[in-house]
Amino acid sequence: IGWFRQAPGKEREGVSCISRRSSSTYYADSVKGRFTISR
């Protein structure tokens, strides 16, 4: 599962994703340390 966002006038960008069974996660540099993804 991934989270994406789109700001006004901007292209959509990836924010974070989480793998099957929560074995791994990934964060865009812009949100590292501030956002946490879970399932």
Full PDB file with SEQRES, HELIX, SHEET, SSBOND, CRYST1, ORIGX, SCALE, CONECT and MASTER records, all heavy atoms in Angstrom:
SEQRES   1 A   39  ILE GLY TRP PHE ARG GLN ALA PRO GLY LYS GLU ARG GLU          
SEQRES   2 A   39  GLY VAL SER CYS ILE SER ARG ARG SER SER SER THR TYR          
SEQRES   3 A   39  TYR ALA ASP SER VAL LYS GLY ARG PHE THR ILE SER ARG          
HELIX    1 AA1 ARG A   20  SER A   22  5                                   3    
SHEET    1 AA1 3 GLY A   2  ARG A   5  0                                        
SHEET    2 AA1 3 GLU A  13  ILE A  18 -1                                        
SHEET    3 AA1 3 THR A  25  TYR A  27 -1                                        
CRYST1    1.000    1.000    1.000  90.00  90.00  90.00 P 1           1          
ORIGX1      1.000000  0.000000  0.000000        0.00000                         
ORIGX2      0.000000  1.000000  0.000000        0.00000                         
ORIGX3      0.000000  0.000000  1.000000        0.00000                         
SCALE1      1.000000  0.000000  0.000000        0.00000                         
SCALE2      0.000000  1.000000  0.000000        0.00000                         
SCALE3      0.000000  0.000000  1.000000        0.00000                         
ATOM      1  N   ILE A   1       0.838  -1.188   0.000  1.00  0.00           N  
ATOM      2  CA  ILE A   1       0.000   0.000   0.000  1.00  0.00           C  
ATOM      3  C   ILE A   1       0.881   1.249   0.000  1.00  0.00           C  
ATOM      4  O   ILE A   1       1.837   1.331   0.773  1.00  0.00           O  
ATOM      5  CB  ILE A   1      -0.942   0.043   1.215  1.00  0.00           C  
ATOM      6  CG1 ILE A   1      -1.787  -1.241   1.292  1.00  0.00           C  
ATOM      7  CG2 ILE A   1      -1.836   1.280   1.150  1.00  0.00           C  
ATOM      8  CD1 ILE A   1      -2.745  -1.417   0.125  1.00  0.00           C  
ATOM      9  N   GLY A   2       0.540   2.191  -0.848  1.00  0.00           N  
ATOM     10  CA  GLY A   2       1.274   3.444  -0.912  1.00  0.00           C  
ATOM     11  C   GLY A   2       0.383   4.640  -0.651  1.00  0.00           C  
ATOM     12  O   GLY A   2      -0.830   4.589  -0.871  1.00  0.00           O  
ATOM     13  N   TRP A   3       0.994   5.703  -0.150  1.00  0.00           N  
ATOM     14  CA  TRP A   3       0.340   6.998  -0.008  1.00  0.00           C  
ATOM     15  C   TRP A   3       1.004   7.982  -0.971  1.00  0.00           C  
ATOM     16  O   TRP A   3       2.239   8.074  -1.034  1.00  0.00           O  
ATOM     17  CB  TRP A   3       0.446   7.539   1.414  1.00  0.00           C  
ATOM     18  CG  TRP A   3      -0.468   6.883   2.402  1.00  0.00           C  
ATOM     19  CD1 TRP A   3      -0.172   5.875   3.253  1.00  0.00           C  
ATOM     20  CD2 TRP A   3      -1.837   7.231   2.655  1.00  0.00           C  
ATOM     21  NE1 TRP A   3      -1.262   5.559   4.019  1.00  0.00           N  
ATOM     22  CE2 TRP A   3      -2.305   6.371   3.672  1.00  0.00           C  
ATOM     23  CE3 TRP A   3      -2.713   8.176   2.114  1.00  0.00           C  
ATOM     24  CZ2 TRP A   3      -3.608   6.427   4.166  1.00  0.00           C  
ATOM     25  CZ3 TRP A   3      -4.008   8.223   2.602  1.00  0.00           C  
ATOM     26  CH2 TRP A   3      -4.438   7.361   3.613  1.00  0.00           C  
ATOM     27  N   PHE A   4       0.186   8.707  -1.701  1.00  0.00           N  
ATOM     28  CA  PHE A   4       0.636   9.733  -2.627  1.00  0.00           C  
ATOM     29  C   PHE A   4      -0.095  11.026  -2.308  1.00  0.00           C  
ATOM     30  O   PHE A   4      -1.149  11.011  -1.685  1.00  0.00           O  
ATOM     31  CB  PHE A   4       0.354   9.317  -4.077  1.00  0.00           C  
ATOM     32  CG  PHE A   4       1.060   8.062  -4.504  1.00  0.00           C  
ATOM     33  CD1 PHE A   4       0.571   6.811  -4.152  1.00  0.00           C  
ATOM     34  CD2 PHE A   4       2.223   8.127  -5.260  1.00  0.00           C  
ATOM     35  CE1 PHE A   4       1.213   5.648  -4.537  1.00  0.00           C  
ATOM     36  CE2 PHE A   4       2.883   6.970  -5.656  1.00  0.00           C  
ATOM     37  CZ  PHE A   4       2.378   5.733  -5.293  1.00  0.00           C  
ATOM     38  N   ARG A   5       0.453  12.141  -2.740  1.00  0.00           N  
ATOM     39  CA  ARG A   5      -0.224  13.416  -2.524  1.00  0.00           C  
ATOM     40  C   ARG A   5      -0.034  14.324  -3.727  1.00  0.00           C  
ATOM     41  O   ARG A   5       0.926  14.192  -4.479  1.00  0.00           O  
ATOM     42  CB  ARG A   5       0.287  14.110  -1.262  1.00  0.00           C  
ATOM     43  CG  ARG A   5       1.726  14.602  -1.346  1.00  0.00           C  
ATOM     44  CD  ARG A   5       2.206  15.111   0.008  1.00  0.00           C  
ATOM     45  NE  ARG A   5       3.566  15.617  -0.047  1.00  0.00           N  
ATOM     46  CZ  ARG A   5       4.282  15.947   1.015  1.00  0.00           C  
ATOM     47  NH1 ARG A   5       3.760  15.841   2.238  1.00  0.00           N  
ATOM     48  NH2 ARG A   5       5.523  16.409   0.870  1.00  0.00           N  
ATOM     49  N   GLN A   6      -0.960  15.250  -3.883  1.00  0.00           N  
ATOM     50  CA  GLN A   6      -0.892  16.208  -4.974  1.00  0.00           C  
ATOM     51  C   GLN A   6      -1.247  17.593  -4.447  1.00  0.00           C  
ATOM     52  O   GLN A   6      -2.368  17.827  -3.992  1.00  0.00           O  
ATOM     53  CB  GLN A   6      -1.832  15.813  -6.115  1.00  0.00           C  
ATOM     54  CG  GLN A   6      -1.686  16.671  -7.355  1.00  0.00           C  
ATOM     55  CD  GLN A   6      -2.376  16.074  -8.561  1.00  0.00           C  
ATOM     56  OE1 GLN A   6      -3.316  15.294  -8.423  1.00  0.00           O  
ATOM     57  NE2 GLN A   6      -1.918  16.428  -9.740  1.00  0.00           N  
ATOM     58  N   ALA A   7      -0.282  18.492  -4.506  1.00  0.00           N  
ATOM     59  CA  ALA A   7      -0.496  19.869  -4.100  1.00  0.00           C  
ATOM     60  C   ALA A   7      -1.110  20.657  -5.255  1.00  0.00           C  
ATOM     61  O   ALA A   7      -0.965  20.272  -6.420  1.00  0.00           O  
ATOM     62  CB  ALA A   7       0.827  20.505  -3.679  1.00  0.00           C  
ATOM     63  N   PRO A   8      -1.785  21.768  -4.958  1.00  0.00           N  
ATOM     64  CA  PRO A   8      -2.379  22.579  -6.021  1.00  0.00           C  
ATOM     65  C   PRO A   8      -1.346  23.001  -7.057  1.00  0.00           C  
ATOM     66  O   PRO A   8      -0.285  23.525  -6.709  1.00  0.00           O  
ATOM     67  CB  PRO A   8      -2.929  23.788  -5.265  1.00  0.00           C  
ATOM     68  CG  PRO A   8      -3.200  23.282  -3.885  1.00  0.00           C  
ATOM     69  CD  PRO A   8      -2.083  22.304  -3.620  1.00  0.00           C  
ATOM     70  N   GLY A   9      -1.633  22.741  -8.319  1.00  0.00           N  
ATOM     71  CA  GLY A   9      -0.739  23.125  -9.397  1.00  0.00           C  
ATOM     72  C   GLY A   9       0.495  22.265  -9.551  1.00  0.00           C  
ATOM     73  O   GLY A   9       1.351  22.577 -10.386  1.00  0.00           O  
ATOM     74  N   LYS A  10       0.600  21.192  -8.777  1.00  0.00           N  
ATOM     75  CA  LYS A  10       1.776  20.324  -8.817  1.00  0.00           C  
ATOM     76  C   LYS A  10       1.399  18.915  -9.244  1.00  0.00           C  
ATOM     77  O   LYS A  10       0.233  18.507  -9.170  1.00  0.00           O  
ATOM     78  CB  LYS A  10       2.456  20.279  -7.448  1.00  0.00           C  
ATOM     79  CG  LYS A  10       2.899  21.631  -6.907  1.00  0.00           C  
ATOM     80  CD  LYS A  10       4.024  22.212  -7.741  1.00  0.00           C  
ATOM     81  CE  LYS A  10       4.485  23.550  -7.172  1.00  0.00           C  
ATOM     82  NZ  LYS A  10       5.057  23.411  -5.807  1.00  0.00           N  
ATOM     83  N   GLU A  11       2.401  18.158  -9.689  1.00  0.00           N  
ATOM     84  CA  GLU A  11       2.186  16.766 -10.031  1.00  0.00           C  
ATOM     85  C   GLU A  11       2.096  15.920  -8.768  1.00  0.00           C  
ATOM     86  O   GLU A  11       2.630  16.282  -7.723  1.00  0.00           O  
ATOM     87  CB  GLU A  11       3.323  16.246 -10.924  1.00  0.00           C  
ATOM     88  CG  GLU A  11       3.377  16.882 -12.295  1.00  0.00           C  
ATOM     89  CD  GLU A  11       4.392  16.224 -13.199  1.00  0.00           C  
ATOM     90  OE1 GLU A  11       5.107  15.314 -12.741  1.00  0.00           O  
ATOM     91  OE2 GLU A  11       4.466  16.616 -14.371  1.00  0.00           O  
ATOM     92  N   ARG A  12       1.432  14.793  -8.887  1.00  0.00           N  
ATOM     93  CA  ARG A  12       1.312  13.889  -7.760  1.00  0.00           C  
ATOM     94  C   ARG A  12       2.673  13.276  -7.428  1.00  0.00           C  
ATOM     95  O   ARG A  12       3.453  12.943  -8.328  1.00  0.00           O  
ATOM     96  CB  ARG A  12       0.298  12.793  -8.090  1.00  0.00           C  
ATOM     97  CG  ARG A  12      -0.067  11.914  -6.906  1.00  0.00           C  
ATOM     98  CD  ARG A  12      -1.442  11.297  -7.084  1.00  0.00           C  
ATOM     99  NE  ARG A  12      -1.570  10.583  -8.337  1.00  0.00           N  
ATOM    100  CZ  ARG A  12      -2.729  10.201  -8.852  1.00  0.00           C  
ATOM    101  NH1 ARG A  12      -3.868  10.487  -8.221  1.00  0.00           N  
ATOM    102  NH2 ARG A  12      -2.761   9.546  -9.998  1.00  0.00           N  
ATOM    103  N   GLU A  13       2.958  13.123  -6.140  1.00  0.00           N  
ATOM    104  CA  GLU A  13       4.230  12.575  -5.703  1.00  0.00           C  
ATOM    105  C   GLU A  13       4.016  11.494  -4.655  1.00  0.00           C  
ATOM    106  O   GLU A  13       3.038  11.516  -3.909  1.00  0.00           O  
ATOM    107  CB  GLU A  13       5.126  13.674  -5.125  1.00  0.00           C  
ATOM    108  CG  GLU A  13       4.561  14.335  -3.874  1.00  0.00           C  
ATOM    109  CD  GLU A  13       5.489  15.367  -3.271  1.00  0.00           C  
ATOM    110  OE1 GLU A  13       6.676  15.404  -3.630  1.00  0.00           O  
ATOM    111  OE2 GLU A  13       5.014  16.156  -2.414  1.00  0.00           O  
ATOM    112  N   GLY A  14       4.943  10.561  -4.603  1.00  0.00           N  
ATOM    113  CA  GLY A  14       4.878   9.513  -3.606  1.00  0.00           C  
ATOM    114  C   GLY A  14       5.288  10.027  -2.242  1.00  0.00           C  
ATOM    115  O   GLY A  14       6.209  10.832  -2.121  1.00  0.00           O  
ATOM    116  N   VAL A  15       4.619   9.546  -1.211  1.00  0.00           N  
ATOM    117  CA  VAL A  15       4.882   9.951   0.163  1.00  0.00           C  
ATOM    118  C   VAL A  15       5.494   8.813   0.966  1.00  0.00           C  
ATOM    119  O   VAL A  15       6.549   8.966   1.596  1.00  0.00           O  
ATOM    120  CB  VAL A  15       3.596  10.444   0.848  1.00  0.00           C  
ATOM    121  CG1 VAL A  15       3.862  10.775   2.313  1.00  0.00           C  
ATOM    122  CG2 VAL A  15       3.027  11.649   0.112  1.00  0.00           C  
ATOM    123  N   SER A  16       4.834   7.663   0.956  1.00  0.00           N  
ATOM    124  CA  SER A  16       5.279   6.532   1.755  1.00  0.00           C  
ATOM    125  C   SER A  16       4.613   5.266   1.252  1.00  0.00           C  
ATOM    126  O   SER A  16       3.547   5.324   0.645  1.00  0.00           O  
ATOM    127  CB  SER A  16       4.926   6.763   3.237  1.00  0.00           C  
ATOM    128  OG  SER A  16       5.365   5.693   4.050  1.00  0.00           O  
ATOM    129  N   CYS A  17       5.226   4.129   1.519  1.00  0.00           N  
ATOM    130  CA  CYS A  17       4.596   2.859   1.194  1.00  0.00           C  
ATOM    131  C   CYS A  17       4.982   1.812   2.218  1.00  0.00           C  
ATOM    132  O   CYS A  17       5.984   1.945   2.921  1.00  0.00           O  
ATOM    133  CB  CYS A  17       4.927   2.388  -0.230  1.00  0.00           C  
ATOM    134  SG  CYS A  17       6.673   2.088  -0.578  1.00  0.00           S  
ATOM    135  N   ILE A  18       4.165   0.770   2.278  1.00  0.00           N  
ATOM    136  CA  ILE A  18       4.392  -0.327   3.210  1.00  0.00           C  
ATOM    137  C   ILE A  18       4.151  -1.636   2.479  1.00  0.00           C  
ATOM    138  O   ILE A  18       3.202  -1.770   1.708  1.00  0.00           O  
ATOM    139  CB  ILE A  18       3.494  -0.185   4.459  1.00  0.00           C  
ATOM    140  CG1 ILE A  18       3.849  -1.236   5.508  1.00  0.00           C  
ATOM    141  CG2 ILE A  18       2.013  -0.247   4.087  1.00  0.00           C  
ATOM    142  CD1 ILE A  18       3.248  -0.931   6.879  1.00  0.00           C  
ATOM    143  N   SER A  19       5.025  -2.597   2.717  1.00  0.00           N  
ATOM    144  CA  SER A  19       4.969  -3.863   1.998  1.00  0.00           C  
ATOM    145  C   SER A  19       3.939  -4.804   2.593  1.00  0.00           C  
ATOM    146  O   SER A  19       3.338  -4.531   3.635  1.00  0.00           O  
ATOM    147  CB  SER A  19       6.341  -4.537   2.027  1.00  0.00           C  
ATOM    148  OG  SER A  19       6.653  -4.971   3.339  1.00  0.00           O  
ATOM    149  N   ARG A  20       3.763  -5.935   1.918  1.00  0.00           N  
ATOM    150  CA  ARG A  20       2.955  -7.005   2.465  1.00  0.00           C  
ATOM    151  C   ARG A  20       3.497  -7.403   3.827  1.00  0.00           C  
ATOM    152  O   ARG A  20       4.713  -7.433   4.033  1.00  0.00           O  
ATOM    153  CB  ARG A  20       2.993  -8.223   1.542  1.00  0.00           C  
ATOM    154  CG  ARG A  20       2.389  -8.011   0.175  1.00  0.00           C  
ATOM    155  CD  ARG A  20       2.720  -9.174  -0.746  1.00  0.00           C  
ATOM    156  NE  ARG A  20       2.249 -10.446  -0.212  1.00  0.00           N  
ATOM    157  CZ  ARG A  20       2.484 -11.618  -0.770  1.00  0.00           C  
ATOM    158  NH1 ARG A  20       3.170 -11.701  -1.901  1.00  0.00           N  
ATOM    159  NH2 ARG A  20       2.019 -12.731  -0.207  1.00  0.00           N  
ATOM    160  N   ARG A  21       2.608  -7.688   4.741  1.00  0.00           N  
ATOM    161  CA  ARG A  21       2.960  -8.140   6.098  1.00  0.00           C  
ATOM    162  C   ARG A  21       3.829  -7.140   6.856  1.00  0.00           C  
ATOM    163  O   ARG A  21       4.452  -7.505   7.847  1.00  0.00           O  
ATOM    164  CB  ARG A  21       3.649  -9.509   6.046  1.00  0.00           C  
ATOM    165  CG  ARG A  21       2.897 -10.577   5.260  1.00  0.00           C  
ATOM    166  CD  ARG A  21       1.547 -10.883   5.853  1.00  0.00           C  
ATOM    167  NE  ARG A  21       0.797 -11.848   5.063  1.00  0.00           N  
ATOM    168  CZ  ARG A  21       0.861 -13.161   5.205  1.00  0.00           C  
ATOM    169  NH1 ARG A  21       1.649 -13.695   6.137  1.00  0.00           N  
ATOM    170  NH2 ARG A  21       0.126 -13.953   4.441  1.00  0.00           N  
ATOM    171  N   SER A  22       3.882  -5.927   6.397  1.00  0.00           N  
ATOM    172  CA  SER A  22       4.641  -4.853   7.055  1.00  0.00           C  
ATOM    173  C   SER A  22       6.121  -5.180   7.185  1.00  0.00           C  
ATOM    174  O   SER A  22       6.781  -4.729   8.125  1.00  0.00           O  
ATOM    175  CB  SER A  22       4.059  -4.561   8.443  1.00  0.00           C  
ATOM    176  OG  SER A  22       2.701  -4.203   8.367  1.00  0.00           O  
ATOM    177  N   SER A  23       6.657  -5.942   6.241  1.00  0.00           N  
ATOM    178  CA  SER A  23       8.057  -6.345   6.320  1.00  0.00           C  
ATOM    179  C   SER A  23       9.019  -5.202   6.025  1.00  0.00           C  
ATOM    180  O   SER A  23      10.167  -5.238   6.443  1.00  0.00           O  
ATOM    181  CB  SER A  23       8.326  -7.514   5.383  1.00  0.00           C  
ATOM    182  OG  SER A  23       8.029  -7.184   4.039  1.00  0.00           O  
ATOM    183  N   SER A  24       8.559  -4.184   5.297  1.00  0.00           N  
ATOM    184  CA  SER A  24       9.406  -3.037   5.007  1.00  0.00           C  
ATOM    185  C   SER A  24       8.551  -1.812   4.743  1.00  0.00           C  
ATOM    186  O   SER A  24       7.376  -1.921   4.376  1.00  0.00           O  
ATOM    187  CB  SER A  24      10.328  -3.309   3.818  1.00  0.00           C  
ATOM    188  OG  SER A  24       9.585  -3.509   2.626  1.00  0.00           O  
ATOM    189  N   THR A  25       9.153  -0.645   4.931  1.00  0.00           N  
ATOM    190  CA  THR A  25       8.498   0.628   4.649  1.00  0.00           C  
ATOM    191  C   THR A  25       9.470   1.536   3.917  1.00  0.00           C  
ATOM    192  O   THR A  25      10.688   1.341   3.962  1.00  0.00           O  
ATOM    193  CB  THR A  25       8.016   1.324   5.931  1.00  0.00           C  
ATOM    194  OG1 THR A  25       9.134   1.534   6.807  1.00  0.00           O  
ATOM    195  CG2 THR A  25       6.969   0.483   6.650  1.00  0.00           C  
ATOM    196  N   TYR A  26       8.913   2.543   3.259  1.00  0.00           N  
ATOM    197  CA  TYR A  26       9.731   3.515   2.555  1.00  0.00           C  
ATOM    198  C   TYR A  26       9.087   4.886   2.696  1.00  0.00           C  
ATOM    199  O   TYR A  26       7.862   5.012   2.662  1.00  0.00           O  
ATOM    200  CB  TYR A  26       9.860   3.143   1.073  1.00  0.00           C  
ATOM    201  CG  TYR A  26      10.652   4.150   0.281  1.00  0.00           C  
ATOM    202  CD1 TYR A  26      12.041   4.131   0.303  1.00  0.00           C  
ATOM    203  CD2 TYR A  26      10.016   5.126  -0.479  1.00  0.00           C  
ATOM    204  CE1 TYR A  26      12.777   5.059  -0.408  1.00  0.00           C  
ATOM    205  CE2 TYR A  26      10.741   6.057  -1.192  1.00  0.00           C  
ATOM    206  CZ  TYR A  26      12.129   6.020  -1.149  1.00  0.00           C  
ATOM    207  OH  TYR A  26      12.856   6.943  -1.856  1.00  0.00           O  
ATOM    208  N   TYR A  27       9.926   5.915   2.851  1.00  0.00           N  
ATOM    209  CA  TYR A  27       9.443   7.282   2.989  1.00  0.00           C  
ATOM    210  C   TYR A  27      10.187   8.214   2.047  1.00  0.00           C  
ATOM    211  O   TYR A  27      11.407   8.097   1.881  1.00  0.00           O  
ATOM    212  CB  TYR A  27       9.648   7.790   4.419  1.00  0.00           C  
ATOM    213  CG  TYR A  27       8.906   6.997   5.467  1.00  0.00           C  
ATOM    214  CD1 TYR A  27       9.505   5.916   6.097  1.00  0.00           C  
ATOM    215  CD2 TYR A  27       7.603   7.338   5.821  1.00  0.00           C  
ATOM    216  CE1 TYR A  27       8.827   5.186   7.055  1.00  0.00           C  
ATOM    217  CE2 TYR A  27       6.917   6.615   6.782  1.00  0.00           C  
ATOM    218  CZ  TYR A  27       7.531   5.543   7.394  1.00  0.00           C  
ATOM    219  OH  TYR A  27       6.849   4.819   8.354  1.00  0.00           O  
ATOM    220  N   ALA A  28       9.451   9.133   1.456  1.00  0.00           N  
ATOM    221  CA  ALA A  28      10.093  10.196   0.705  1.00  0.00           C  
ATOM    222  C   ALA A  28      10.949  11.030   1.655  1.00  0.00           C  
ATOM    223  O   ALA A  28      10.621  11.184   2.835  1.00  0.00           O  
ATOM    224  CB  ALA A  28       9.043  11.077   0.029  1.00  0.00           C  
ATOM    225  N   ASP A  29      12.052  11.576   1.146  1.00  0.00           N  
ATOM    226  CA  ASP A  29      12.948  12.360   1.986  1.00  0.00           C  
ATOM    227  C   ASP A  29      12.230  13.514   2.683  1.00  0.00           C  
ATOM    228  O   ASP A  29      12.562  13.872   3.815  1.00  0.00           O  
ATOM    229  CB  ASP A  29      14.104  12.917   1.160  1.00  0.00           C  
ATOM    230  CG  ASP A  29      15.103  11.855   0.749  1.00  0.00           C  
ATOM    231  OD1 ASP A  29      15.114  10.763   1.355  1.00  0.00           O  
ATOM    232  OD2 ASP A  29      15.885  12.120  -0.186  1.00  0.00           O  
ATOM    233  N   SER A  30      11.247  14.085   2.024  1.00  0.00           N  
ATOM    234  CA  SER A  30      10.555  15.250   2.551  1.00  0.00           C  
ATOM    235  C   SER A  30       9.739  14.960   3.806  1.00  0.00           C  
ATOM    236  O   SER A  30       9.389  15.889   4.535  1.00  0.00           O  
ATOM    237  CB  SER A  30       9.640  15.854   1.479  1.00  0.00           C  
ATOM    238  OG  SER A  30       8.678  14.912   1.040  1.00  0.00           O  
ATOM    239  N   VAL A  31       9.429  13.683   4.071  1.00  0.00           N  
ATOM    240  CA  VAL A  31       8.590  13.347   5.217  1.00  0.00           C  
ATOM    241  C   VAL A  31       9.283  12.448   6.230  1.00  0.00           C  
ATOM    242  O   VAL A  31       8.699  12.146   7.278  1.00  0.00           O  
ATOM    243  CB  VAL A  31       7.260  12.694   4.780  1.00  0.00           C  
ATOM    244  CG1 VAL A  31       6.541  13.579   3.776  1.00  0.00           C  
ATOM    245  CG2 VAL A  31       7.487  11.304   4.204  1.00  0.00           C  
ATOM    246  N   LYS A  32      10.502  12.030   5.959  1.00  0.00           N  
ATOM    247  CA  LYS A  32      11.223  11.152   6.881  1.00  0.00           C  
ATOM    248  C   LYS A  32      11.350  11.799   8.261  1.00  0.00           C  
ATOM    249  O   LYS A  32      11.679  12.970   8.380  1.00  0.00           O  
ATOM    250  CB  LYS A  32      12.611  10.827   6.341  1.00  0.00           C  
ATOM    251  CG  LYS A  32      12.620   9.835   5.203  1.00  0.00           C  
ATOM    252  CD  LYS A  32      14.044   9.556   4.724  1.00  0.00           C  
ATOM    253  CE  LYS A  32      14.054   8.568   3.583  1.00  0.00           C  
ATOM    254  NZ  LYS A  32      15.418   8.353   3.046  1.00  0.00           N  
ATOM    255  N   GLY A  33      11.083  11.005   9.276  1.00  0.00           N  
ATOM    256  CA  GLY A  33      11.160  11.494  10.644  1.00  0.00           C  
ATOM    257  C   GLY A  33       9.902  12.171  11.132  1.00  0.00           C  
ATOM    258  O   GLY A  33       9.782  12.446  12.332  1.00  0.00           O  
ATOM    259  N   ARG A  34       8.972  12.457  10.229  1.00  0.00           N  
ATOM    260  CA  ARG A  34       7.730  13.132  10.598  1.00  0.00           C  
ATOM    261  C   ARG A  34       6.498  12.258  10.385  1.00  0.00           C  
ATOM    262  O   ARG A  34       5.538  12.358  11.143  1.00  0.00           O  
ATOM    263  CB  ARG A  34       7.563  14.432   9.808  1.00  0.00           C  
ATOM    264  CG  ARG A  34       8.684  15.433  10.040  1.00  0.00           C  
ATOM    265  CD  ARG A  34       8.375  16.784   9.389  1.00  0.00           C  
ATOM    266  NE  ARG A  34       8.253  16.670   7.931  1.00  0.00           N  
ATOM    267  CZ  ARG A  34       7.152  16.956   7.243  1.00  0.00           C  
ATOM    268  NH1 ARG A  34       6.054  17.387   7.877  1.00  0.00           N  
ATOM    269  NH2 ARG A  34       7.134  16.840   5.926  1.00  0.00           N  
ATOM    270  N   PHE A  35       6.517  11.432   9.350  1.00  0.00           N  
ATOM    271  CA  PHE A  35       5.375  10.583   9.012  1.00  0.00           C  
ATOM    272  C   PHE A  35       5.697   9.134   9.347  1.00  0.00           C  
ATOM    273  O   PHE A  35       6.848   8.694   9.234  1.00  0.00           O  
ATOM    274  CB  PHE A  35       5.044  10.668   7.520  1.00  0.00           C  
ATOM    275  CG  PHE A  35       4.467  11.981   7.062  1.00  0.00           C  
ATOM    276  CD1 PHE A  35       4.466  13.107   7.876  1.00  0.00           C  
ATOM    277  CD2 PHE A  35       3.912  12.077   5.795  1.00  0.00           C  
ATOM    278  CE1 PHE A  35       3.938  14.310   7.435  1.00  0.00           C  
ATOM    279  CE2 PHE A  35       3.378  13.274   5.345  1.00  0.00           C  
ATOM    280  CZ  PHE A  35       3.392  14.388   6.160  1.00  0.00           C  
ATOM    281  N   THR A  36       4.672   8.371   9.714  1.00  0.00           N  
ATOM    282  CA  THR A  36       4.806   6.948   9.970  1.00  0.00           C  
ATOM    283  C   THR A  36       3.662   6.199   9.311  1.00  0.00           C  
ATOM    284  O   THR A  36       2.500   6.516   9.541  1.00  0.00           O  
ATOM    285  CB  THR A  36       4.810   6.643  11.477  1.00  0.00           C  
ATOM    286  OG1 THR A  36       5.866   7.366  12.120  1.00  0.00           O  
ATOM    287  CG2 THR A  36       5.019   5.150  11.716  1.00  0.00           C  
ATOM    288  N   ILE A  37       4.003   5.204   8.501  1.00  0.00           N  
ATOM    289  CA  ILE A  37       2.994   4.379   7.851  1.00  0.00           C  
ATOM    290  C   ILE A  37       2.882   3.056   8.595  1.00  0.00           C  
ATOM    291  O   ILE A  37       3.873   2.521   9.093  1.00  0.00           O  
ATOM    292  CB  ILE A  37       3.335   4.154   6.360  1.00  0.00           C  
ATOM    293  CG1 ILE A  37       2.157   3.518   5.618  1.00  0.00           C  
ATOM    294  CG2 ILE A  37       4.595   3.311   6.197  1.00  0.00           C  
ATOM    295  CD1 ILE A  37       2.330   3.510   4.098  1.00  0.00           C  
ATOM    296  N   SER A  38       1.666   2.536   8.686  1.00  0.00           N  
ATOM    297  CA  SER A  38       1.438   1.252   9.333  1.00  0.00           C  
ATOM    298  C   SER A  38       0.215   0.594   8.715  1.00  0.00           C  
ATOM    299  O   SER A  38      -0.561   1.247   8.016  1.00  0.00           O  
ATOM    300  CB  SER A  38       1.252   1.421  10.844  1.00  0.00           C  
ATOM    301  OG  SER A  38       0.132   2.234  11.136  1.00  0.00           O  
ATOM    302  N   ARG A  39       0.065  -0.697   8.961  1.00  0.00           N  
ATOM    303  CA  ARG A  39      -1.121  -1.389   8.455  1.00  0.00           C  
ATOM    304  C   ARG A  39      -1.636  -2.372   9.486  1.00  0.00           C  
ATOM    305  O   ARG A  39      -0.868  -2.939  10.276  1.00  0.00           O  
ATOM    306  CB  ARG A  39      -0.833  -2.096   7.120  1.00  0.00           C  
ATOM    307  CG  ARG A  39       0.136  -3.266   7.194  1.00  0.00           C  
ATOM    308  CD  ARG A  39       0.551  -3.725   5.788  1.00  0.00           C  
ATOM    309  NE  ARG A  39      -0.560  -4.301   5.042  1.00  0.00           N  
ATOM    310  CZ  ARG A  39      -0.548  -4.510   3.722  1.00  0.00           C  
ATOM    311  NH1 ARG A  39       0.521  -4.161   3.004  1.00  0.00           N  
ATOM    312  NH2 ARG A  39      -1.598  -5.052   3.129  1.00  0.00           N  
TER     313      ARG A  39                                                      
MASTER        0    0    0    1    3    0    0    6  312    1    0    3          
END                                                                             
